[in-house]
Amino acid sequence: MSKNWRISSFNGVLLAAYFIPAWTVIAFQIMVSPVHGLYERPSVSVALYVSDHLHLFGMATVRIAWLLALARITTVAFFVIFLVFLATPAIRRRGGADEALGSRSRSEACSALPAW
């Protein structure tokens, strides 16, 4: 196994270990029951802002809840992609894990640029 683990990679894995299960459960609760899921503890601040300050009614609040669930699922998907890229040892050996979702090393990225 490659020993090119950086502290930022380790921190990213810790963040992904929290966000993937927690936000997936919250998003699926919102998908199953939009209003009830929106007014539960993790999303109640968004629900109160939408209902009080934006003066949205029932169906518009449901649409906002679905958009919140979609944003949470998109964030989870990016964390999963980050873990897949990080778990691939060939990427780490080449130094491609210098930044989040980096899949190519710097030499490959520079050689891929067109020579103008």
N, C-alpha and C. Protein backbone atom coordinates (compact mmCIF):
# COMPACT_ATOMS: atom_id res chain seq x y z
N MET A 1 0.84 -1.18 0.00
CA MET A 1 0.00 0.00 0.00
C MET A 1 0.88 1.23 0.00
N SER A 2 0.49 2.22 -0.71
CA SER A 2 1.27 3.45 -0.82
C SER A 2 1.27 4.22 0.49
N LYS A 3 2.37 4.87 0.76
CA LYS A 3 2.49 5.63 2.01
C LYS A 3 2.33 7.12 1.76
N ASN A 4 1.73 7.52 0.67
CA ASN A 4 1.56 8.93 0.33
C ASN A 4 0.25 9.49 0.87
N TRP A 5 -0.04 9.24 2.14
CA TRP A 5 -1.24 9.78 2.75
C TRP A 5 -0.91 11.13 3.35
N ARG A 6 -1.60 12.14 2.93
CA ARG A 6 -1.41 13.49 3.47
C ARG A 6 -2.44 13.74 4.55
N ILE A 7 -2.18 14.73 5.38
CA ILE A 7 -3.11 15.06 6.46
C ILE A 7 -4.45 15.54 5.88
N SER A 8 -4.41 16.22 4.74
CA SER A 8 -5.65 16.67 4.12
C SER A 8 -6.46 15.48 3.60
N SER A 9 -5.79 14.45 3.12
CA SER A 9 -6.50 13.25 2.68
C SER A 9 -7.15 12.55 3.87
N PHE A 10 -6.43 12.46 4.97
CA PHE A 10 -6.96 11.83 6.17
C PHE A 10 -8.16 12.62 6.70
N ASN A 11 -8.07 13.95 6.70
CA ASN A 11 -9.19 14.79 7.13
C ASN A 11 -10.39 14.62 6.20
N GLY A 12 -10.14 14.49 4.90
CA GLY A 12 -11.22 14.27 3.95
C GLY A 12 -11.94 12.96 4.19
N VAL A 13 -11.17 11.92 4.55
CA VAL A 13 -11.78 10.63 4.86
C VAL A 13 -12.64 10.74 6.12
N LEU A 14 -12.15 11.46 7.12
CA LEU A 14 -12.95 11.65 8.34
C LEU A 14 -14.24 12.42 8.05
N LEU A 15 -14.14 13.47 7.23
CA LEU A 15 -15.35 14.21 6.85
C LEU A 15 -16.34 13.33 6.09
N ALA A 16 -15.81 12.54 5.16
CA ALA A 16 -16.68 11.65 4.38
C ALA A 16 -17.32 10.60 5.27
N ALA A 17 -16.59 10.12 6.27
CA ALA A 17 -17.15 9.12 7.18
C ALA A 17 -18.33 9.68 7.96
N TYR A 18 -18.33 10.97 8.20
CA TYR A 18 -19.48 11.59 8.87
C TYR A 18 -20.60 11.93 7.89
N PHE A 19 -20.25 12.64 6.82
CA PHE A 19 -21.27 13.20 5.93
C PHE A 19 -22.03 12.14 5.14
N ILE A 20 -21.37 11.09 4.70
CA ILE A 20 -22.05 10.11 3.85
C ILE A 20 -23.22 9.46 4.57
N PRO A 21 -23.04 8.85 5.73
CA PRO A 21 -24.23 8.23 6.35
C PRO A 21 -25.23 9.24 6.91
N ALA A 22 -24.73 10.30 7.53
CA ALA A 22 -25.65 11.25 8.18
C ALA A 22 -26.51 11.97 7.15
N TRP A 23 -25.90 12.53 6.13
CA TRP A 23 -26.67 13.29 5.15
C TRP A 23 -27.51 12.40 4.25
N THR A 24 -27.11 11.15 4.04
CA THR A 24 -27.94 10.24 3.25
C THR A 24 -29.23 9.92 3.99
N VAL A 25 -29.14 9.66 5.28
CA VAL A 25 -30.34 9.37 6.07
C VAL A 25 -31.27 10.58 6.08
N ILE A 26 -30.71 11.76 6.29
CA ILE A 26 -31.52 12.98 6.33
C ILE A 26 -32.20 13.22 4.98
N ALA A 27 -31.45 13.04 3.90
CA ALA A 27 -32.02 13.27 2.56
C ALA A 27 -33.13 12.28 2.26
N PHE A 28 -32.96 11.02 2.64
CA PHE A 28 -34.02 10.04 2.38
C PHE A 28 -35.24 10.29 3.25
N GLN A 29 -35.05 10.81 4.46
CA GLN A 29 -36.21 11.19 5.27
C GLN A 29 -36.99 12.31 4.60
N ILE A 30 -36.28 13.27 4.02
CA ILE A 30 -36.95 14.36 3.32
C ILE A 30 -37.65 13.84 2.06
N MET A 31 -37.02 12.89 1.36
CA MET A 31 -37.64 12.35 0.14
C MET A 31 -38.92 11.57 0.45
N VAL A 32 -38.92 10.82 1.55
CA VAL A 32 -40.09 10.02 1.90
C VAL A 32 -41.24 10.90 2.37
N SER A 33 -40.94 11.83 3.26
CA SER A 33 -41.97 12.72 3.79
C SER A 33 -41.40 14.14 3.80
N PRO A 34 -41.63 14.91 2.73
CA PRO A 34 -40.95 16.20 2.59
C PRO A 34 -41.18 17.18 3.72
N VAL A 35 -42.40 17.38 4.12
CA VAL A 35 -42.67 18.39 5.15
C VAL A 35 -42.18 17.91 6.51
N HIS A 36 -42.49 16.67 6.85
CA HIS A 36 -42.05 16.13 8.14
C HIS A 36 -40.52 16.05 8.19
N GLY A 37 -39.88 15.62 7.11
CA GLY A 37 -38.42 15.53 7.07
C GLY A 37 -37.76 16.90 7.12
N LEU A 38 -38.41 17.90 6.53
CA LEU A 38 -37.85 19.24 6.53
C LEU A 38 -37.91 19.87 7.92
N TYR A 39 -38.97 19.56 8.67
CA TYR A 39 -39.12 20.16 9.99
C TYR A 39 -38.47 19.33 11.11
N GLU A 40 -37.68 18.31 10.76
CA GLU A 40 -36.93 17.59 11.79
C GLU A 40 -35.67 18.36 12.12
N ARG A 41 -35.01 17.96 13.18
CA ARG A 41 -33.92 18.73 13.77
C ARG A 41 -32.80 19.14 12.81
N PRO A 42 -32.30 18.27 11.92
CA PRO A 42 -31.18 18.70 11.08
C PRO A 42 -31.52 19.80 10.07
N SER A 43 -32.78 19.93 9.70
CA SER A 43 -33.15 20.88 8.65
C SER A 43 -34.14 21.94 9.11
N VAL A 44 -34.38 22.03 10.40
CA VAL A 44 -35.43 22.92 10.87
C VAL A 44 -35.10 24.39 10.63
N SER A 45 -33.85 24.77 10.65
CA SER A 45 -33.51 26.18 10.40
C SER A 45 -33.85 26.58 8.96
N VAL A 46 -33.60 25.69 8.02
CA VAL A 46 -33.98 25.97 6.63
C VAL A 46 -35.51 26.05 6.51
N ALA A 47 -36.20 25.15 7.18
CA ALA A 47 -37.66 25.13 7.12
C ALA A 47 -38.26 26.40 7.71
N LEU A 48 -37.75 26.85 8.83
CA LEU A 48 -38.28 28.07 9.44
C LEU A 48 -37.98 29.29 8.58
N TYR A 49 -36.81 29.35 7.98
CA TYR A 49 -36.48 30.48 7.10
C TYR A 49 -37.41 30.49 5.89
N VAL A 50 -37.61 29.33 5.29
CA VAL A 50 -38.44 29.25 4.09
C VAL A 50 -39.89 29.62 4.41
N SER A 51 -40.41 29.09 5.50
CA SER A 51 -41.82 29.34 5.79
C SER A 51 -42.07 30.75 6.34
N ASP A 52 -41.17 31.27 7.17
CA ASP A 52 -41.41 32.57 7.80
C ASP A 52 -40.97 33.75 6.93
N HIS A 53 -39.78 33.70 6.42
CA HIS A 53 -39.23 34.86 5.72
C HIS A 53 -39.56 34.90 4.23
N LEU A 54 -39.65 33.74 3.62
CA LEU A 54 -39.98 33.72 2.19
C LEU A 54 -41.48 33.61 1.94
N HIS A 55 -42.25 33.36 3.00
CA HIS A 55 -43.71 33.28 2.93
C HIS A 55 -44.18 32.29 1.86
N LEU A 56 -43.57 31.10 1.86
CA LEU A 56 -43.97 30.07 0.92
C LEU A 56 -45.04 29.19 1.54
N PHE A 57 -45.94 28.70 0.70
CA PHE A 57 -47.01 27.85 1.17
C PHE A 57 -46.65 26.39 0.96
N GLY A 58 -47.60 25.50 1.10
CA GLY A 58 -47.39 24.06 1.13
C GLY A 58 -46.56 23.47 0.02
N MET A 59 -47.03 23.60 -1.21
CA MET A 59 -46.33 22.94 -2.31
C MET A 59 -44.96 23.56 -2.58
N ALA A 60 -44.86 24.86 -2.39
CA ALA A 60 -43.55 25.50 -2.59
C ALA A 60 -42.56 25.05 -1.51
N THR A 61 -43.05 24.83 -0.30
CA THR A 61 -42.19 24.33 0.77
C THR A 61 -41.74 22.90 0.48
N VAL A 62 -42.62 22.11 -0.09
CA VAL A 62 -42.26 20.74 -0.49
C VAL A 62 -41.18 20.78 -1.56
N ARG A 63 -41.29 21.68 -2.51
CA ARG A 63 -40.27 21.80 -3.56
C ARG A 63 -38.92 22.22 -2.98
N ILE A 64 -38.95 23.15 -2.03
CA ILE A 64 -37.70 23.55 -1.36
C ILE A 64 -37.10 22.37 -0.60
N ALA A 65 -37.95 21.56 0.03
CA ALA A 65 -37.48 20.38 0.76
C ALA A 65 -36.81 19.40 -0.20
N TRP A 66 -37.41 19.19 -1.36
CA TRP A 66 -36.80 18.28 -2.34
C TRP A 66 -35.48 18.84 -2.87
N LEU A 67 -35.41 20.16 -3.06
CA LEU A 67 -34.14 20.75 -3.48
C LEU A 67 -33.06 20.60 -2.41
N LEU A 68 -33.45 20.73 -1.15
CA LEU A 68 -32.50 20.51 -0.06
C LEU A 68 -32.03 19.06 -0.05
N ALA A 69 -32.94 18.12 -0.25
CA ALA A 69 -32.55 16.71 -0.32
C ALA A 69 -31.62 16.44 -1.50
N LEU A 70 -31.90 17.06 -2.64
CA LEU A 70 -31.04 16.92 -3.80
C LEU A 70 -29.64 17.48 -3.54
N ALA A 71 -29.57 18.62 -2.86
CA ALA A 71 -28.26 19.20 -2.53
C ALA A 71 -27.49 18.30 -1.58
N ARG A 72 -28.19 17.70 -0.63
CA ARG A 72 -27.51 16.79 0.31
C ARG A 72 -27.01 15.53 -0.41
N ILE A 73 -27.82 14.97 -1.30
CA ILE A 73 -27.40 13.78 -2.05
C ILE A 73 -26.23 14.11 -2.98
N THR A 74 -26.23 15.30 -3.58
CA THR A 74 -25.11 15.71 -4.43
C THR A 74 -23.83 15.82 -3.62
N THR A 75 -23.91 16.38 -2.42
CA THR A 75 -22.74 16.47 -1.55
C THR A 75 -22.23 15.08 -1.18
N VAL A 76 -23.14 14.18 -0.89
CA VAL A 76 -22.75 12.80 -0.57
C VAL A 76 -22.08 12.15 -1.77
N ALA A 77 -22.60 12.39 -2.97
CA ALA A 77 -22.00 11.81 -4.17
C ALA A 77 -20.57 12.31 -4.37
N PHE A 78 -20.32 13.59 -4.12
CA PHE A 78 -18.96 14.10 -4.27
C PHE A 78 -18.02 13.51 -3.23
N PHE A 79 -18.51 13.27 -2.02
CA PHE A 79 -17.67 12.62 -1.02
C PHE A 79 -17.36 11.18 -1.41
N VAL A 80 -18.32 10.48 -2.00
CA VAL A 80 -18.08 9.11 -2.46
C VAL A 80 -17.05 9.10 -3.59
N ILE A 81 -17.16 10.04 -4.53
CA ILE A 81 -16.18 10.13 -5.60
C ILE A 81 -14.80 10.46 -5.05
N PHE A 82 -14.73 11.33 -4.04
CA PHE A 82 -13.46 11.64 -3.39
C PHE A 82 -12.85 10.39 -2.78
N LEU A 83 -13.66 9.57 -2.11
CA LEU A 83 -13.14 8.35 -1.51
C LEU A 83 -12.67 7.35 -2.55
N VAL A 84 -13.38 7.27 -3.67
CA VAL A 84 -12.96 6.37 -4.74
C VAL A 84 -11.62 6.81 -5.32
N PHE A 85 -11.47 8.11 -5.57
CA PHE A 85 -10.19 8.60 -6.08
C PHE A 85 -9.08 8.42 -5.07
N LEU A 86 -9.38 8.60 -3.82
CA LEU A 86 -8.37 8.48 -2.78
C LEU A 86 -7.99 7.03 -2.53
N ALA A 87 -8.93 6.12 -2.71
CA ALA A 87 -8.66 4.70 -2.47
C ALA A 87 -7.90 4.05 -3.61
N THR A 88 -7.85 4.69 -4.75
CA THR A 88 -7.11 4.14 -5.88
C THR A 88 -5.62 4.39 -5.66
N PRO A 89 -4.85 3.34 -5.43
CA PRO A 89 -3.44 3.54 -5.08
C PRO A 89 -2.61 4.16 -6.20
N ALA A 90 -3.00 3.93 -7.45
CA ALA A 90 -2.21 4.49 -8.56
C ALA A 90 -2.26 6.01 -8.55
N ILE A 91 -3.37 6.58 -8.15
CA ILE A 91 -3.50 8.04 -8.10
C ILE A 91 -2.62 8.61 -7.00
N ARG A 92 -2.62 7.94 -5.83
CA ARG A 92 -1.80 8.43 -4.72
C ARG A 92 -0.31 8.30 -5.03
N ARG A 93 0.09 7.23 -5.69
CA ARG A 93 1.52 7.04 -6.02
C ARG A 93 2.03 8.12 -6.96
N ARG A 94 1.17 8.54 -7.88
CA ARG A 94 1.59 9.57 -8.83
C ARG A 94 1.51 10.96 -8.23
N GLY A 95 0.95 11.09 -7.05
CA GLY A 95 0.82 12.41 -6.43
C GLY A 95 -0.43 13.13 -6.86
N GLY A 96 -1.41 12.41 -7.39
CA GLY A 96 -2.63 13.05 -7.87
C GLY A 96 -3.61 13.41 -6.78
N ALA A 97 -3.33 13.03 -5.54
CA ALA A 97 -4.25 13.34 -4.44
C ALA A 97 -3.83 14.62 -3.73
N ASP A 98 -3.19 15.53 -4.46
CA ASP A 98 -2.77 16.79 -3.87
C ASP A 98 -3.95 17.68 -3.51
N GLU A 99 -5.03 17.54 -4.23
CA GLU A 99 -6.20 18.36 -3.98
C GLU A 99 -7.43 17.48 -4.10
N ALA A 100 -8.54 17.98 -3.61
CA ALA A 100 -9.76 17.19 -3.63
C ALA A 100 -10.17 16.86 -5.05
N LEU A 101 -10.53 15.63 -5.27
CA LEU A 101 -10.97 15.11 -6.56
C LEU A 101 -9.92 15.25 -7.65
N GLY A 102 -8.65 15.32 -7.28
CA GLY A 102 -7.58 15.37 -8.27
C GLY A 102 -7.30 13.98 -8.78
N SER A 103 -7.47 13.74 -10.07
CA SER A 103 -7.28 12.39 -10.59
C SER A 103 -6.02 12.24 -11.43
N ARG A 104 -5.36 13.35 -11.75
CA ARG A 104 -4.14 13.25 -12.55
C ARG A 104 -2.99 13.92 -11.80
N SER A 105 -1.79 13.45 -12.08
CA SER A 105 -0.63 14.09 -11.47
C SER A 105 -0.35 15.41 -12.19
N ARG A 106 0.52 16.21 -11.59
CA ARG A 106 0.80 17.52 -12.17
C ARG A 106 1.47 17.40 -13.54
N SER A 107 2.36 16.42 -13.69
CA SER A 107 3.04 16.29 -14.98
C SER A 107 2.06 15.89 -16.08
N GLU A 108 1.10 15.03 -15.76
CA GLU A 108 0.09 14.66 -16.75
C GLU A 108 -0.84 15.82 -17.06
N ALA A 109 -1.17 16.62 -16.03
CA ALA A 109 -2.06 17.76 -16.24
C ALA A 109 -1.38 18.80 -17.11
N CYS A 110 -0.07 19.01 -16.91
CA CYS A 110 0.65 19.99 -17.71
C CYS A 110 0.85 19.49 -19.15
N SER A 111 1.06 18.18 -19.31
CA SER A 111 1.25 17.66 -20.65
C SER A 111 -0.04 17.59 -21.43
N ALA A 112 -1.18 17.63 -20.73
CA ALA A 112 -2.47 17.59 -21.42
C ALA A 112 -2.85 18.96 -21.98
N LEU A 113 -2.16 20.01 -21.56
CA LEU A 113 -2.47 21.35 -22.07
C LEU A 113 -1.99 21.48 -23.50
N PRO A 114 -2.75 22.17 -24.34
CA PRO A 114 -2.30 22.34 -25.72
C PRO A 114 -1.09 23.27 -25.79
N ALA A 115 -0.19 22.96 -26.71
CA ALA A 115 1.02 23.78 -26.90
C ALA A 115 0.68 24.85 -27.93
N TRP A 116 0.45 26.06 -27.46
CA TRP A 116 0.07 27.16 -28.36
C TRP A 116 1.27 27.87 -28.84
